[in-house]
Amino acid sequence: MRATVHAGEKLDFDGVITDIYDKKNGALQFVVKDVKVLRQGELVCDVHSVMVIRA
């Protein structure tokens, strides 16, 4: 977190899927997403997440 955020503030989220890959011969798929959280154009937080999907 780069800045303090308070309840009631308006935030903008800008997300991008940065990678998709599989493991275990396709039994597991991984989706990587990076999100920038902005308040009035100022970056307040970077979020990196990985979602695992069992096929």
PDB file of N, CA and C in Angstrom:
ATOM      1  N   MET A   1       0.847  -1.172   0.000  1.00  0.00           N
ATOM      2  CA  MET A   1       0.000   0.000   0.000  1.00  0.00           C
ATOM      3  C   MET A   1       0.894   1.238   0.000  1.00  0.00           C
ATOM      4  N   ARG A   2       0.563   2.189  -0.831  1.00  0.00           N
ATOM      5  CA  ARG A   2       1.378   3.388  -0.979  1.00  0.00           C
ATOM      6  C   ARG A   2       0.797   4.593  -0.263  1.00  0.00           C
ATOM      7  N   ALA A   3      -0.505   4.575   0.036  1.00  0.00           N
ATOM      8  CA  ALA A   3      -1.152   5.709   0.698  1.00  0.00           C
ATOM      9  C   ALA A   3      -2.327   5.194   1.520  1.00  0.00           C
ATOM     10  N   THR A   4      -2.706   5.958   2.521  1.00  0.00           N
ATOM     11  CA  THR A   4      -3.845   5.596   3.354  1.00  0.00           C
ATOM     12  C   THR A   4      -5.145   5.886   2.614  1.00  0.00           C
ATOM     13  N   VAL A   5      -6.075   4.952   2.703  1.00  0.00           N
ATOM     14  CA  VAL A   5      -7.381   5.102   2.068  1.00  0.00           C
ATOM     15  C   VAL A   5      -8.436   5.087   3.163  1.00  0.00           C
ATOM     16  N   HIS A   6      -9.427   5.972   3.047  1.00  0.00           N
ATOM     17  CA  HIS A   6     -10.476   6.084   4.057  1.00  0.00           C
ATOM     18  C   HIS A   6     -11.833   5.721   3.463  1.00  0.00           C
ATOM     19  N   ALA A   7     -12.729   5.245   4.318  1.00  0.00           N
ATOM     20  CA  ALA A   7     -14.088   4.908   3.889  1.00  0.00           C
ATOM     21  C   ALA A   7     -14.744   6.120   3.246  1.00  0.00           C
ATOM     22  N   GLY A   8     -15.441   5.890   2.159  1.00  0.00           N
ATOM     23  CA  GLY A   8     -16.152   6.960   1.475  1.00  0.00           C
ATOM     24  C   GLY A   8     -15.379   7.593   0.334  1.00  0.00           C
ATOM     25  N   GLU A   9     -14.082   7.322   0.235  1.00  0.00           N
ATOM     26  CA  GLU A   9     -13.296   7.896  -0.860  1.00  0.00           C
ATOM     27  C   GLU A   9     -13.614   7.173  -2.168  1.00  0.00           C
ATOM     28  N   LYS A  10     -13.586   7.920  -3.266  1.00  0.00           N
ATOM     29  CA  LYS A  10     -13.807   7.333  -4.588  1.00  0.00           C
ATOM     30  C   LYS A  10     -12.471   6.834  -5.124  1.00  0.00           C
ATOM     31  N   LEU A  11     -12.433   5.559  -5.486  1.00  0.00           N
ATOM     32  CA  LEU A  11     -11.225   4.947  -6.018  1.00  0.00           C
ATOM     33  C   LEU A  11     -11.508   4.405  -7.412  1.00  0.00           C
ATOM     34  N   ASP A  12     -10.497   4.447  -8.263  1.00  0.00           N
ATOM     35  CA  ASP A  12     -10.589   3.879  -9.602  1.00  0.00           C
ATOM     36  C   ASP A  12      -9.671   2.662  -9.665  1.00  0.00           C
ATOM     37  N   PHE A  13     -10.168   1.581 -10.276  1.00  0.00           N
ATOM     38  CA  PHE A  13      -9.412   0.348 -10.401  1.00  0.00           C
ATOM     39  C   PHE A  13      -9.124   0.101 -11.875  1.00  0.00           C
ATOM     40  N   ASP A  14      -7.850  -0.147 -12.196  1.00  0.00           N
ATOM     41  CA  ASP A  14      -7.431  -0.405 -13.569  1.00  0.00           C
ATOM     42  C   ASP A  14      -6.739  -1.762 -13.595  1.00  0.00           C
ATOM     43  N   GLY A  15      -7.457  -2.799 -14.053  1.00  0.00           N
ATOM     44  CA  GLY A  15      -6.928  -4.155 -14.011  1.00  0.00           C
ATOM     45  C   GLY A  15      -6.553  -4.689 -15.375  1.00  0.00           C
ATOM     46  N   VAL A  16      -5.513  -5.533 -15.384  1.00  0.00           N
ATOM     47  CA  VAL A  16      -5.029  -6.157 -16.615  1.00  0.00           C
ATOM     48  C   VAL A  16      -4.668  -7.608 -16.310  1.00  0.00           C
ATOM     49  N   ILE A  17      -5.125  -8.527 -17.155  1.00  0.00           N
ATOM     50  CA  ILE A  17      -4.668  -9.911 -17.050  1.00  0.00           C
ATOM     51  C   ILE A  17      -3.294  -9.966 -17.694  1.00  0.00           C
ATOM     52  N   THR A  18      -2.275 -10.326 -16.900  1.00  0.00           N
ATOM     53  CA  THR A  18      -0.896 -10.277 -17.386  1.00  0.00           C
ATOM     54  C   THR A  18      -0.358 -11.625 -17.836  1.00  0.00           C
ATOM     55  N   ASP A  19      -1.012 -12.733 -17.419  1.00  0.00           N
ATOM     56  CA  ASP A  19      -0.510 -14.044 -17.823  1.00  0.00           C
ATOM     57  C   ASP A  19      -1.601 -15.092 -17.613  1.00  0.00           C
ATOM     58  N   ILE A  20      -1.594 -16.088 -18.463  1.00  0.00           N
ATOM     59  CA  ILE A  20      -2.448 -17.264 -18.317  1.00  0.00           C
ATOM     60  C   ILE A  20      -1.576 -18.463 -18.665  1.00  0.00           C
ATOM     61  N   TYR A  21      -1.532 -19.451 -17.763  1.00  0.00           N
ATOM     62  CA  TYR A  21      -0.728 -20.639 -18.023  1.00  0.00           C
ATOM     63  C   TYR A  21      -1.355 -21.832 -17.319  1.00  0.00           C
ATOM     64  N   ASP A  22      -0.894 -23.038 -17.687  1.00  0.00           N
ATOM     65  CA  ASP A  22      -1.428 -24.238 -17.053  1.00  0.00           C
ATOM     66  C   ASP A  22      -0.298 -25.100 -16.516  1.00  0.00           C
ATOM     67  N   LYS A  23      -0.674 -26.000 -15.609  1.00  0.00           N
ATOM     68  CA  LYS A  23       0.255 -26.967 -15.022  1.00  0.00           C
ATOM     69  C   LYS A  23      -0.457 -28.307 -14.913  1.00  0.00           C
ATOM     70  N   LYS A  24       0.306 -29.332 -14.634  1.00  0.00           N
ATOM     71  CA  LYS A  24      -0.214 -30.698 -14.487  1.00  0.00           C
ATOM     72  C   LYS A  24      -0.994 -31.123 -15.732  1.00  0.00           C
ATOM     73  N   ASN A  25      -0.348 -30.934 -16.895  1.00  0.00           N
ATOM     74  CA  ASN A  25      -0.931 -31.320 -18.192  1.00  0.00           C
ATOM     75  C   ASN A  25      -2.304 -30.705 -18.425  1.00  0.00           C
ATOM     76  N   GLY A  26      -2.500 -29.467 -17.997  1.00  0.00           N
ATOM     77  CA  GLY A  26      -3.750 -28.760 -18.231  1.00  0.00           C
ATOM     78  C   GLY A  26      -4.800 -28.955 -17.153  1.00  0.00           C
ATOM     79  N   ALA A  27      -4.507 -29.746 -16.123  1.00  0.00           N
ATOM     80  CA  ALA A  27      -5.483 -29.976 -15.054  1.00  0.00           C
ATOM     81  C   ALA A  27      -5.702 -28.718 -14.216  1.00  0.00           C
ATOM     82  N   LEU A  28      -4.697 -27.864 -14.139  1.00  0.00           N
ATOM     83  CA  LEU A  28      -4.799 -26.599 -13.408  1.00  0.00           C
ATOM     84  C   LEU A  28      -4.462 -25.449 -14.348  1.00  0.00           C
ATOM     85  N   GLN A  29      -5.306 -24.439 -14.363  1.00  0.00           N
ATOM     86  CA  GLN A  29      -5.035 -23.231 -15.138  1.00  0.00           C
ATOM     87  C   GLN A  29      -4.854 -22.069 -14.168  1.00  0.00           C
ATOM     88  N   PHE A  30      -3.930 -21.182 -14.482  1.00  0.00           N
ATOM     89  CA  PHE A  30      -3.619 -20.035 -13.640  1.00  0.00           C
ATOM     90  C   PHE A  30      -3.845 -18.752 -14.435  1.00  0.00           C
ATOM     91  N   VAL A  31      -4.547 -17.806 -13.833  1.00  0.00           N
ATOM     92  CA  VAL A  31      -4.788 -16.496 -14.443  1.00  0.00           C
ATOM     93  C   VAL A  31      -4.176 -15.452 -13.514  1.00  0.00           C
ATOM     94  N   VAL A  32      -3.215 -14.690 -14.030  1.00  0.00           N
ATOM     95  CA  VAL A  32      -2.515 -13.673 -13.242  1.00  0.00           C
ATOM     96  C   VAL A  32      -3.079 -12.304 -13.601  1.00  0.00           C
ATOM     97  N   LYS A  33      -3.445 -11.529 -12.575  1.00  0.00           N
ATOM     98  CA  LYS A  33      -4.058 -10.216 -12.793  1.00  0.00           C
ATOM     99  C   LYS A  33      -3.344  -9.175 -11.937  1.00  0.00           C
ATOM    100  N   ASP A  34      -3.031  -8.035 -12.547  1.00  0.00           N
ATOM    101  CA  ASP A  34      -2.446  -6.899 -11.836  1.00  0.00           C
ATOM    102  C   ASP A  34      -3.429  -5.737 -11.886  1.00  0.00           C
ATOM    103  N   VAL A  35      -3.651  -5.108 -10.741  1.00  0.00           N
ATOM    104  CA  VAL A  35      -4.607  -4.004 -10.641  1.00  0.00           C
ATOM    105  C   VAL A  35      -3.922  -2.806  -9.996  1.00  0.00           C
ATOM    106  N   LYS A  36      -4.086  -1.642 -10.600  1.00  0.00           N
ATOM    107  CA  LYS A  36      -3.630  -0.385 -10.008  1.00  0.00           C
ATOM    108  C   LYS A  36      -4.850   0.313  -9.420  1.00  0.00           C
ATOM    109  N   VAL A  37      -4.748   0.746  -8.167  1.00  0.00           N
ATOM    110  CA  VAL A  37      -5.833   1.460  -7.495  1.00  0.00           C
ATOM    111  C   VAL A  37      -5.428   2.931  -7.411  1.00  0.00           C
ATOM    112  N   LEU A  38      -6.275   3.806  -7.959  1.00  0.00           N
ATOM    113  CA  LEU A  38      -5.961   5.231  -8.042  1.00  0.00           C
ATOM    114  C   LEU A  38      -7.004   6.066  -7.305  1.00  0.00           C
ATOM    115  N   ARG A  39      -6.546   7.149  -6.700  1.00  0.00           N
ATOM    116  CA  ARG A  39      -7.423   8.151  -6.099  1.00  0.00           C
ATOM    117  C   ARG A  39      -7.060   9.478  -6.732  1.00  0.00           C
ATOM    118  N   GLN A  40      -7.968  10.027  -7.514  1.00  0.00           N
ATOM    119  CA  GLN A  40      -7.752  11.288  -8.229  1.00  0.00           C
ATOM    120  C   GLN A  40      -6.453  11.257  -9.032  1.00  0.00           C
ATOM    121  N   GLY A  41      -6.199  10.118  -9.696  1.00  0.00           N
ATOM    122  CA  GLY A  41      -5.018   9.974 -10.533  1.00  0.00           C
ATOM    123  C   GLY A  41      -3.755   9.573  -9.799  1.00  0.00           C
ATOM    124  N   GLU A  42      -3.791   9.539  -8.469  1.00  0.00           N
ATOM    125  CA  GLU A  42      -2.619   9.171  -7.662  1.00  0.00           C
ATOM    126  C   GLU A  42      -2.681   7.681  -7.336  1.00  0.00           C
ATOM    127  N   LEU A  43      -1.587   6.968  -7.591  1.00  0.00           N
ATOM    128  CA  LEU A  43      -1.522   5.546  -7.287  1.00  0.00           C
ATOM    129  C   LEU A  43      -1.498   5.349  -5.777  1.00  0.00           C
ATOM    130  N   VAL A  44      -2.465   4.600  -5.255  1.00  0.00           N
ATOM    131  CA  VAL A  44      -2.504   4.342  -3.814  1.00  0.00           C
ATOM    132  C   VAL A  44      -2.205   2.886  -3.483  1.00  0.00           C
ATOM    133  N   CYS A  45      -2.343   1.979  -4.471  1.00  0.00           N
ATOM    134  CA  CYS A  45      -2.107   0.569  -4.178  1.00  0.00           C
ATOM    135  C   CYS A  45      -1.920  -0.217  -5.474  1.00  0.00           C
ATOM    136  N   ASP A  46      -1.030  -1.204  -5.430  1.00  0.00           N
ATOM    137  CA  ASP A  46      -0.876  -2.186  -6.503  1.00  0.00           C
ATOM    138  C   ASP A  46      -1.350  -3.533  -5.964  1.00  0.00           C
ATOM    139  N   VAL A  47      -2.173  -4.225  -6.730  1.00  0.00           N
ATOM    140  CA  VAL A  47      -2.673  -5.533  -6.314  1.00  0.00           C
ATOM    141  C   VAL A  47      -2.252  -6.559  -7.362  1.00  0.00           C
ATOM    142  N   HIS A  48      -1.657  -7.658  -6.908  1.00  0.00           N
ATOM    143  CA  HIS A  48      -1.244  -8.751  -7.788  1.00  0.00           C
ATOM    144  C   HIS A  48      -1.969  -9.999  -7.290  1.00  0.00           C
ATOM    145  N   SER A  49      -2.729 -10.654  -8.175  1.00  0.00           N
ATOM    146  CA  SER A  49      -3.456 -11.846  -7.742  1.00  0.00           C
ATOM    147  C   SER A  49      -3.328 -12.955  -8.776  1.00  0.00           C
ATOM    148  N   VAL A  50      -3.421 -14.183  -8.272  1.00  0.00           N
ATOM    149  CA  VAL A  50      -3.382 -15.362  -9.130  1.00  0.00           C
ATOM    150  C   VAL A  50      -4.620 -16.204  -8.818  1.00  0.00           C
ATOM    151  N   MET A  51      -5.421 -16.468  -9.849  1.00  0.00           N
ATOM    152  CA  MET A  51      -6.604 -17.303  -9.695  1.00  0.00           C
ATOM    153  C   MET A  51      -6.277 -18.677 -10.274  1.00  0.00           C
ATOM    154  N   VAL A  52      -6.588 -19.732  -9.511  1.00  0.00           N
ATOM    155  CA  VAL A  52      -6.337 -21.100  -9.953  1.00  0.00           C
ATOM    156  C   VAL A  52      -7.673 -21.736 -10.316  1.00  0.00           C
ATOM    157  N   ILE A  53      -7.725 -22.313 -11.508  1.00  0.00           N
ATOM    158  CA  ILE A  53      -8.947 -22.953 -11.994  1.00  0.00           C
ATOM    159  C   ILE A  53      -8.648 -24.430 -12.219  1.00  0.00           C
ATOM    160  N   ARG A  54      -9.425 -25.276 -11.569  1.00  0.00           N
ATOM    161  CA  ARG A  54      -9.264 -26.715 -11.751  1.00  0.00           C
ATOM    162  C   ARG A  54     -10.142 -27.149 -12.921  1.00  0.00           C
ATOM    163  N   ALA A  55      -9.505 -27.684 -13.942  1.00  0.00           N
ATOM    164  CA  ALA A  55     -10.247 -28.070 -15.157  1.00  0.00           C
ATOM    165  C   ALA A  55     -10.863 -29.444 -15.020  1.00  0.00           C
TER     166      ALA A  55
END
